[in-house]
Amino acid sequence: MDEELVAILLFVTIPTILFFTVVHRWLKMKERRLELEAEQAKTARHQGKGDRELEQRVRVLEQIVVDSGAQTASQIDALRSLPRMESEPDR
């Protein structure tokens, strides 16, 4: 009877426990991989959103620079078109 119990333990129970341990670890690994992939996708979405926001800010700054340059140029041209005043005599 004891020999049968030992045989059962050796050839059935231990391999079954090992099999389920390996399967459990494999499932945990798959779960972790899916979590990492989801986190990467989320990070990529946020990065894309940040890139779009940054691009919009740069466009606004470019527009400000271009508009200010045009305004400055028009103001200079307006000043050039004013009649010149006689310069004051040197003191």
N, C-alpha and C. Protein backbone atom coordinates (compact mmCIF):
# COMPACT_ATOMS: atom_id res chain seq x y z
N MET A 1 0.83 -1.19 0.00
CA MET A 1 0.00 0.00 0.00
C MET A 1 0.87 1.25 0.00
N ASP A 2 1.90 1.24 0.80
CA ASP A 2 2.78 2.39 0.86
C ASP A 2 3.48 2.61 -0.48
N GLU A 3 3.81 1.53 -1.16
CA GLU A 3 4.47 1.67 -2.45
C GLU A 3 3.55 2.29 -3.48
N GLU A 4 2.27 1.95 -3.41
CA GLU A 4 1.30 2.53 -4.33
C GLU A 4 1.14 4.02 -4.07
N LEU A 5 1.12 4.40 -2.81
CA LEU A 5 1.00 5.82 -2.44
C LEU A 5 2.22 6.60 -2.93
N VAL A 6 3.38 6.04 -2.76
CA VAL A 6 4.61 6.69 -3.23
C VAL A 6 4.58 6.81 -4.75
N ALA A 7 4.14 5.78 -5.43
CA ALA A 7 4.06 5.81 -6.89
C ALA A 7 3.08 6.88 -7.35
N ILE A 8 1.94 6.96 -6.67
CA ILE A 8 0.96 7.99 -7.01
C ILE A 8 1.56 9.38 -6.82
N LEU A 9 2.24 9.57 -5.69
CA LEU A 9 2.86 10.87 -5.42
C LEU A 9 3.92 11.21 -6.48
N LEU A 10 4.73 10.25 -6.81
CA LEU A 10 5.81 10.50 -7.75
C LEU A 10 5.32 10.72 -9.17
N PHE A 11 4.40 9.93 -9.63
CA PHE A 11 4.03 9.94 -11.03
C PHE A 11 2.76 10.73 -11.36
N VAL A 12 2.00 11.12 -10.37
CA VAL A 12 0.75 11.84 -10.65
C VAL A 12 0.72 13.19 -9.94
N THR A 13 0.85 13.17 -8.65
CA THR A 13 0.65 14.39 -7.86
C THR A 13 1.74 15.43 -8.12
N ILE A 14 2.99 15.03 -8.03
CA ILE A 14 4.09 15.98 -8.20
C ILE A 14 4.09 16.60 -9.61
N PRO A 15 3.96 15.79 -10.68
CA PRO A 15 3.89 16.41 -12.01
C PRO A 15 2.67 17.34 -12.17
N THR A 16 1.56 16.97 -11.54
CA THR A 16 0.37 17.82 -11.62
C THR A 16 0.62 19.16 -10.93
N ILE A 17 1.24 19.13 -9.77
CA ILE A 17 1.55 20.37 -9.04
C ILE A 17 2.52 21.21 -9.85
N LEU A 18 3.53 20.58 -10.41
CA LEU A 18 4.50 21.31 -11.23
C LEU A 18 3.83 21.93 -12.46
N PHE A 19 2.96 21.16 -13.09
CA PHE A 19 2.24 21.67 -14.26
C PHE A 19 1.42 22.91 -13.91
N PHE A 20 0.65 22.85 -12.84
CA PHE A 20 -0.18 23.99 -12.46
C PHE A 20 0.66 25.19 -12.01
N THR A 21 1.81 24.92 -11.40
CA THR A 21 2.70 26.01 -11.01
C THR A 21 3.23 26.73 -12.26
N VAL A 22 3.63 25.97 -13.25
CA VAL A 22 4.14 26.56 -14.49
C VAL A 22 3.03 27.34 -15.20
N VAL A 23 1.85 26.76 -15.27
CA VAL A 23 0.73 27.44 -15.93
C VAL A 23 0.38 28.73 -15.18
N HIS A 24 0.38 28.68 -13.87
CA HIS A 24 0.07 29.86 -13.07
C HIS A 24 1.09 30.97 -13.34
N ARG A 25 2.37 30.62 -13.35
CA ARG A 25 3.41 31.62 -13.62
C ARG A 25 3.28 32.18 -15.04
N TRP A 26 2.97 31.32 -15.99
CA TRP A 26 2.81 31.76 -17.37
C TRP A 26 1.66 32.75 -17.49
N LEU A 27 0.55 32.44 -16.81
CA LEU A 27 -0.61 33.34 -16.84
C LEU A 27 -0.28 34.68 -16.18
N LYS A 28 0.47 34.66 -15.09
CA LYS A 28 0.89 35.91 -14.43
C LYS A 28 1.76 36.74 -15.38
N MET A 29 2.66 36.06 -16.09
CA MET A 29 3.54 36.75 -17.03
C MET A 29 2.72 37.39 -18.16
N LYS A 30 1.75 36.64 -18.69
CA LYS A 30 0.89 37.18 -19.74
C LYS A 30 0.11 38.40 -19.23
N GLU A 31 -0.41 38.30 -18.01
CA GLU A 31 -1.16 39.40 -17.42
C GLU A 31 -0.27 40.64 -17.29
N ARG A 32 0.94 40.45 -16.80
CA ARG A 32 1.88 41.57 -16.64
C ARG A 32 2.24 42.18 -17.99
N ARG A 33 2.44 41.34 -19.00
CA ARG A 33 2.76 41.84 -20.34
C ARG A 33 1.61 42.69 -20.88
N LEU A 34 0.38 42.23 -20.67
CA LEU A 34 -0.78 43.01 -21.12
C LEU A 34 -0.87 44.34 -20.38
N GLU A 35 -0.57 44.33 -19.09
CA GLU A 35 -0.58 45.58 -18.32
C GLU A 35 0.46 46.56 -18.86
N LEU A 36 1.66 46.03 -19.16
CA LEU A 36 2.71 46.89 -19.70
C LEU A 36 2.34 47.45 -21.07
N GLU A 37 1.75 46.62 -21.91
CA GLU A 37 1.32 47.09 -23.23
C GLU A 37 0.25 48.17 -23.11
N ALA A 38 -0.68 47.98 -22.18
CA ALA A 38 -1.72 48.99 -21.97
C ALA A 38 -1.11 50.29 -21.47
N GLU A 39 -0.14 50.20 -20.58
CA GLU A 39 0.54 51.38 -20.06
C GLU A 39 1.31 52.09 -21.16
N GLN A 40 1.96 51.33 -22.04
CA GLN A 40 2.68 51.94 -23.16
C GLN A 40 1.73 52.64 -24.11
N ALA A 41 0.59 52.03 -24.37
CA ALA A 41 -0.39 52.66 -25.26
C ALA A 41 -0.91 53.95 -24.64
N LYS A 42 -1.17 53.92 -23.34
CA LYS A 42 -1.64 55.11 -22.64
C LYS A 42 -0.58 56.21 -22.69
N THR A 43 0.67 55.84 -22.46
CA THR A 43 1.76 56.81 -22.51
C THR A 43 1.90 57.39 -23.91
N ALA A 44 1.77 56.55 -24.92
CA ALA A 44 1.87 57.03 -26.30
C ALA A 44 0.75 58.01 -26.62
N ARG A 45 -0.46 57.73 -26.14
CA ARG A 45 -1.57 58.66 -26.36
C ARG A 45 -1.31 60.00 -25.70
N HIS A 46 -0.82 59.96 -24.46
CA HIS A 46 -0.53 61.20 -23.75
C HIS A 46 0.63 61.94 -24.40
N GLN A 47 1.61 61.21 -24.89
CA GLN A 47 2.75 61.84 -25.56
C GLN A 47 2.27 62.54 -26.82
N GLY A 48 1.41 61.87 -27.58
CA GLY A 48 0.85 62.47 -28.79
C GLY A 48 0.07 63.72 -28.47
N LYS A 49 -0.69 63.68 -27.40
CA LYS A 49 -1.47 64.84 -26.99
C LYS A 49 -0.53 65.98 -26.60
N GLY A 50 0.53 65.65 -25.88
CA GLY A 50 1.51 66.67 -25.48
C GLY A 50 2.21 67.26 -26.69
N ASP A 51 2.53 66.42 -27.68
CA ASP A 51 3.16 66.91 -28.90
C ASP A 51 2.24 67.86 -29.64
N ARG A 52 0.96 67.53 -29.72
CA ARG A 52 0.01 68.41 -30.40
C ARG A 52 -0.12 69.74 -29.66
N GLU A 53 -0.18 69.69 -28.33
CA GLU A 53 -0.28 70.93 -27.55
C GLU A 53 0.97 71.79 -27.74
N LEU A 54 2.12 71.16 -27.74
CA LEU A 54 3.37 71.89 -27.93
C LEU A 54 3.41 72.51 -29.32
N GLU A 55 2.98 71.77 -30.31
CA GLU A 55 2.96 72.29 -31.68
C GLU A 55 2.02 73.49 -31.78
N GLN A 56 0.87 73.43 -31.13
CA GLN A 56 -0.06 74.56 -31.15
C GLN A 56 0.57 75.78 -30.48
N ARG A 57 1.26 75.58 -29.37
CA ARG A 57 1.91 76.69 -28.69
C ARG A 57 2.98 77.33 -29.56
N VAL A 58 3.75 76.50 -30.26
CA VAL A 58 4.78 77.03 -31.15
C VAL A 58 4.14 77.83 -32.27
N ARG A 59 3.04 77.34 -32.81
CA ARG A 59 2.33 78.09 -33.87
C ARG A 59 1.88 79.45 -33.36
N VAL A 60 1.35 79.48 -32.14
CA VAL A 60 0.91 80.75 -31.57
C VAL A 60 2.10 81.70 -31.42
N LEU A 61 3.20 81.19 -30.90
CA LEU A 61 4.39 82.03 -30.75
C LEU A 61 4.90 82.52 -32.10
N GLU A 62 4.91 81.66 -33.09
CA GLU A 62 5.33 82.09 -34.43
C GLU A 62 4.41 83.19 -34.95
N GLN A 63 3.12 83.03 -34.74
CA GLN A 63 2.16 84.03 -35.19
C GLN A 63 2.41 85.36 -34.48
N ILE A 64 2.68 85.31 -33.18
CA ILE A 64 2.96 86.53 -32.42
C ILE A 64 4.20 87.21 -32.97
N VAL A 65 5.25 86.44 -33.22
CA VAL A 65 6.49 87.01 -33.74
C VAL A 65 6.27 87.62 -35.11
N VAL A 66 5.58 86.90 -35.98
CA VAL A 66 5.34 87.39 -37.34
C VAL A 66 4.46 88.64 -37.30
N ASP A 67 3.39 88.60 -36.54
CA ASP A 67 2.50 89.75 -36.46
C ASP A 67 3.20 90.95 -35.85
N SER A 68 3.97 90.74 -34.80
CA SER A 68 4.68 91.84 -34.16
C SER A 68 5.69 92.43 -35.11
N GLY A 69 6.37 91.60 -35.88
CA GLY A 69 7.33 92.09 -36.86
C GLY A 69 6.65 92.93 -37.92
N ALA A 70 5.49 92.49 -38.37
CA ALA A 70 4.74 93.24 -39.38
C ALA A 70 4.26 94.56 -38.81
N GLN A 71 3.78 94.53 -37.57
CA GLN A 71 3.32 95.77 -36.94
C GLN A 71 4.48 96.73 -36.77
N THR A 72 5.61 96.22 -36.32
CA THR A 72 6.79 97.07 -36.12
C THR A 72 7.22 97.68 -37.45
N ALA A 73 7.24 96.87 -38.51
CA ALA A 73 7.63 97.38 -39.82
C ALA A 73 6.67 98.46 -40.29
N SER A 74 5.38 98.26 -40.09
CA SER A 74 4.41 99.27 -40.52
C SER A 74 4.54 100.54 -39.69
N GLN A 75 4.85 100.40 -38.42
CA GLN A 75 5.05 101.59 -37.59
C GLN A 75 6.30 102.36 -38.04
N ILE A 76 7.35 101.65 -38.38
CA ILE A 76 8.56 102.31 -38.88
C ILE A 76 8.26 103.04 -40.18
N ASP A 77 7.53 102.37 -41.09
CA ASP A 77 7.17 103.01 -42.35
C ASP A 77 6.31 104.25 -42.11
N ALA A 78 5.41 104.16 -41.13
CA ALA A 78 4.56 105.32 -40.82
C ALA A 78 5.42 106.47 -40.29
N LEU A 79 6.40 106.17 -39.49
CA LEU A 79 7.29 107.21 -38.98
C LEU A 79 8.13 107.81 -40.10
N ARG A 80 8.52 107.03 -41.05
CA ARG A 80 9.31 107.54 -42.17
C ARG A 80 8.49 108.50 -43.03
N SER A 81 7.21 108.25 -43.10
CA SER A 81 6.39 109.10 -43.95
C SER A 81 6.04 110.43 -43.29
N LEU A 82 6.28 110.60 -42.01
CA LEU A 82 6.05 111.87 -41.34
C LEU A 82 7.07 112.90 -41.80
N PRO A 83 6.63 114.13 -41.86
CA PRO A 83 7.61 115.16 -42.25
C PRO A 83 8.69 115.28 -41.18
N ARG A 84 9.89 115.51 -41.64
CA ARG A 84 11.00 115.64 -40.72
C ARG A 84 10.96 116.99 -40.05
N MET A 85 11.29 116.96 -38.79
CA MET A 85 11.34 118.22 -38.04
C MET A 85 12.76 118.73 -38.11
N GLU A 86 12.84 120.05 -38.05
CA GLU A 86 14.17 120.66 -38.02
C GLU A 86 14.84 120.24 -36.74
N SER A 87 16.04 119.84 -36.83
CA SER A 87 16.73 119.44 -35.61
C SER A 87 17.07 120.66 -34.79
N GLU A 88 17.07 120.51 -33.51
CA GLU A 88 17.37 121.62 -32.61
C GLU A 88 18.85 121.98 -32.76
N PRO A 89 19.14 123.23 -32.58
CA PRO A 89 20.56 123.62 -32.66
C PRO A 89 21.33 122.99 -31.52
N ASP A 90 22.59 122.70 -31.77
CA ASP A 90 23.44 122.14 -30.74
C ASP A 90 23.66 123.13 -29.65
N ARG A 91 23.70 122.68 -28.46
CA ARG A 91 23.86 123.59 -27.34
C ARG A 91 25.27 123.72 -26.97
